[in-house]
């Protein structure tokens, strides 16, 4: 029986900061009490994750490892742009021994988020691509329009407080403008 293994993406290093601070969000919500700080912090995390999932973009610098099994084509579309850099590309054999591929064998299209191979790797069990993505390492690097969309979404979730809130149309419209089309 042949098992088809789908590519897997793992978060290797998360962002050390968030694109929105608790203070910014509380000011937007016009909340000056501390009793809801834990709730608001959870809502912020949820809004950030929803923004990243919908747009396919990483807001603050994170490191990912994208693993492919058995075969690969000339180019790989990396999830979660914008791509800052490739940390490593490794070929892993069935005994789990790794060989790092020299960077002269590939190049990255940072705008399209595509890793292009000049020579396609062969005879491997798994190919691991570790890369850094995100607008930057500071909240100021994130487009203001995306921050505003998240604030609107956070306000809706905070008003509902029932654990589920439909993404507001305004936020959705902004996210659509920033969405990466995957092929």
Protein backbone atom coordinates (compact mmCIF):
# COMPACT_ATOMS: atom_id res chain seq x y z
CA UNK A 1 0.00 0.00 0.00
CA UNK A 2 1.36 3.41 -0.98
CA UNK A 3 0.71 6.25 1.41
CA UNK A 4 0.76 9.71 -0.12
CA UNK A 5 2.36 12.14 2.28
CA UNK A 6 1.23 15.71 1.93
CA UNK A 7 3.61 18.60 2.57
CA UNK A 8 3.78 19.73 6.19
CA UNK A 9 4.49 23.21 7.51
CA UNK A 10 5.68 23.79 11.06
CA UNK A 11 6.28 26.99 12.96
CA UNK A 12 9.89 26.84 14.16
CA UNK A 13 10.17 30.27 15.83
CA UNK A 14 7.18 32.45 16.65
CA UNK A 15 7.21 36.24 16.72
CA UNK A 16 8.39 37.75 19.97
CA UNK A 17 5.93 40.64 19.70
CA UNK A 18 2.44 41.18 18.33
CA UNK A 19 1.49 43.71 15.66
CA UNK A 20 -1.03 45.20 18.10
CA UNK A 21 -0.42 45.87 21.79
CA UNK A 22 -2.96 45.45 24.56
CA UNK A 23 -2.77 49.21 25.18
CA UNK A 24 -3.52 50.04 21.51
CA UNK A 25 -6.48 47.68 21.47
CA UNK A 26 -7.87 48.92 24.79
CA UNK A 27 -7.63 52.51 23.52
CA UNK A 28 -9.49 51.52 20.34
CA UNK A 29 -12.16 49.72 22.38
CA UNK A 30 -12.28 52.57 24.91
CA UNK A 31 -11.74 50.12 27.76
CA UNK A 32 -9.86 51.38 30.80
CA UNK A 33 -10.37 48.54 33.27
CA UNK A 34 -7.91 45.66 33.72
CA UNK A 35 -10.47 42.93 34.45
CA UNK A 36 -10.84 42.10 30.73
CA UNK A 37 -7.12 42.14 29.91
CA UNK A 38 -6.86 38.34 29.62
CA UNK A 39 -9.94 38.19 27.38
CA UNK A 40 -8.70 41.02 25.17
CA UNK A 41 -5.25 39.41 24.90
CA UNK A 42 -6.85 36.13 23.71
CA UNK A 43 -9.01 38.05 21.23
CA UNK A 44 -5.92 39.85 19.88
CA UNK A 45 -4.19 36.48 19.29
CA UNK A 46 -7.29 35.16 17.53
CA UNK A 47 -7.56 38.21 15.25
CA UNK A 48 -3.87 38.02 14.33
CA UNK A 49 -4.18 34.32 13.48
CA UNK A 50 -7.32 34.94 11.40
CA UNK A 51 -5.60 37.74 9.51
CA UNK A 52 -2.56 35.57 8.77
CA UNK A 53 -4.65 32.57 7.73
CA UNK A 54 -6.91 34.59 5.46
CA UNK A 55 -4.19 36.66 3.79
CA UNK A 56 -1.53 33.94 3.71
CA UNK A 57 0.94 36.48 5.08
CA UNK A 58 3.00 36.52 8.24
CA UNK A 59 2.68 39.84 10.03
CA UNK A 60 5.73 39.77 12.32
CA UNK A 61 8.90 37.81 11.50
CA UNK A 62 8.55 34.04 12.09
CA UNK A 63 10.55 31.01 11.02
CA UNK A 64 8.85 28.08 9.27
CA UNK A 65 9.92 24.63 8.15
CA UNK A 66 8.13 23.32 5.06
CA UNK A 67 8.63 19.59 4.44
CA UNK A 68 7.96 17.75 1.17
CA UNK A 69 8.04 13.99 0.65
CA UNK A 70 9.42 11.84 -2.17
CA UNK A 71 9.34 14.22 -5.12
CA UNK A 72 9.45 17.86 -5.96
CA UNK A 73 9.12 19.99 -9.02
CA UNK A 74 11.32 22.83 -10.27
CA UNK A 75 9.71 25.41 -7.95
CA UNK A 76 8.00 25.41 -4.56
CA UNK A 77 5.41 27.98 -3.52
CA UNK A 78 6.17 28.74 0.12
CA UNK A 79 3.25 29.38 2.42
CA UNK A 80 3.15 32.51 4.50
CA UNK A 81 4.84 35.39 2.70
CA UNK A 82 6.47 37.86 2.50
CA UNK A 83 9.63 35.76 2.39
CA UNK A 84 12.63 37.44 3.99
CA UNK A 85 15.20 34.69 3.49
CA UNK A 86 15.88 30.97 3.19
CA UNK A 87 17.69 29.60 6.25
CA UNK A 88 18.36 26.15 4.80
CA UNK A 89 17.25 23.56 2.29
CA UNK A 90 18.00 20.00 3.40
CA UNK A 91 17.62 16.62 1.75
CA UNK A 92 16.68 13.89 4.24
CA UNK A 93 17.06 10.21 3.39
CA UNK A 94 15.12 7.26 4.81
CA UNK A 95 17.69 6.86 7.62
CA UNK A 96 17.04 10.49 8.63
CA UNK A 97 20.50 11.68 7.69
CA UNK A 98 20.44 15.22 6.39
CA UNK A 99 22.43 16.93 3.67
CA UNK A 100 22.23 20.69 3.31
CA UNK A 101 21.82 21.88 -0.27
CA UNK A 102 24.16 24.67 -1.29
CA UNK A 103 22.36 27.98 -1.84
CA UNK A 104 23.87 28.21 -5.32
CA UNK A 105 21.46 25.42 -6.38
CA UNK A 106 18.34 27.53 -5.72
CA UNK A 107 17.08 31.10 -5.64
CA UNK A 108 14.06 32.76 -4.05
CA UNK A 109 11.47 34.96 -5.66
CA UNK A 110 10.65 37.03 -2.56
CA UNK A 111 7.67 38.76 -4.17
CA UNK A 112 5.99 35.56 -5.32
CA UNK A 113 7.23 33.51 -2.37
CA UNK A 114 8.63 30.85 -4.70
CA UNK A 115 11.77 28.80 -4.16
CA UNK A 116 13.21 27.93 -7.59
CA UNK A 117 15.70 25.12 -8.08
CA UNK A 118 18.39 25.46 -10.74
CA UNK A 119 18.94 21.73 -10.31
CA UNK A 120 16.03 19.73 -8.90
CA UNK A 121 17.04 17.57 -5.90
CA UNK A 122 16.67 13.84 -6.52
CA UNK A 123 16.64 10.59 -4.55
CA UNK A 124 15.38 11.82 -1.22
CA UNK A 125 12.72 10.81 1.27
CA UNK A 126 11.98 14.34 2.47
CA UNK A 127 13.02 17.85 1.56
CA UNK A 128 13.01 20.40 4.41
CA UNK A 129 12.93 24.10 3.58
CA UNK A 130 13.46 26.39 6.57
CA UNK A 131 12.69 30.02 5.89
CA UNK A 132 11.95 33.35 7.54
CA UNK A 133 8.79 35.23 6.62
CA UNK A 134 7.00 38.36 7.72
CA UNK A 135 6.73 42.07 7.07
CA UNK A 136 9.47 42.68 9.65
CA UNK A 137 10.38 42.30 13.30
CA UNK A 138 8.54 45.41 14.50
CA UNK A 139 4.86 46.25 14.73
CA UNK A 140 5.57 49.36 12.67
CA UNK A 141 6.48 47.11 9.71
CA UNK A 142 2.90 45.78 9.45
CA UNK A 143 0.66 47.71 7.02
CA UNK A 144 -1.62 50.09 8.93
CA UNK A 145 -4.59 48.91 6.88
CA UNK A 146 -4.17 45.36 8.22
CA UNK A 147 -3.88 46.66 11.77
CA UNK A 148 -7.12 48.59 11.30
CA UNK A 149 -8.87 45.49 9.95
CA UNK A 150 -7.74 43.51 12.99
CA UNK A 151 -8.92 46.25 15.35
CA UNK A 152 -12.37 46.16 13.76
CA UNK A 153 -12.45 42.37 14.08
CA UNK A 154 -11.29 42.57 17.71
CA UNK A 155 -14.05 45.08 18.50
CA UNK A 156 -16.66 42.69 17.05
CA UNK A 157 -15.31 39.75 19.07
CA UNK A 158 -15.12 41.84 22.23
CA UNK A 159 -18.69 43.07 21.79
CA UNK A 160 -19.98 39.53 21.19
CA UNK A 161 -17.97 37.85 23.99
CA UNK A 162 -19.65 34.57 23.13
CA UNK A 163 -16.56 32.83 21.82
CA UNK A 164 -17.47 33.16 18.15
CA UNK A 165 -17.83 36.14 15.92
CA UNK A 166 -18.27 36.42 12.18
CA UNK A 167 -15.46 38.30 10.51
CA UNK A 168 -16.76 41.84 9.90
CA UNK A 169 -17.21 42.75 6.23
CA UNK A 170 -14.88 45.75 6.57
CA UNK A 171 -12.09 43.52 7.88
CA UNK A 172 -12.77 40.92 5.22
CA UNK A 173 -12.64 43.52 2.44
CA UNK A 174 -9.25 44.73 3.67
CA UNK A 175 -7.89 41.19 4.03
CA UNK A 176 -8.99 40.38 0.47
CA UNK A 177 -6.81 43.20 -0.86
CA UNK A 178 -3.78 41.67 0.85
CA UNK A 179 -4.59 38.02 0.18
CA UNK A 180 -2.06 35.85 -1.61
CA UNK A 181 -3.60 33.72 -4.31
CA UNK A 182 -2.35 30.15 -3.96
CA UNK A 183 -1.99 27.95 -6.96
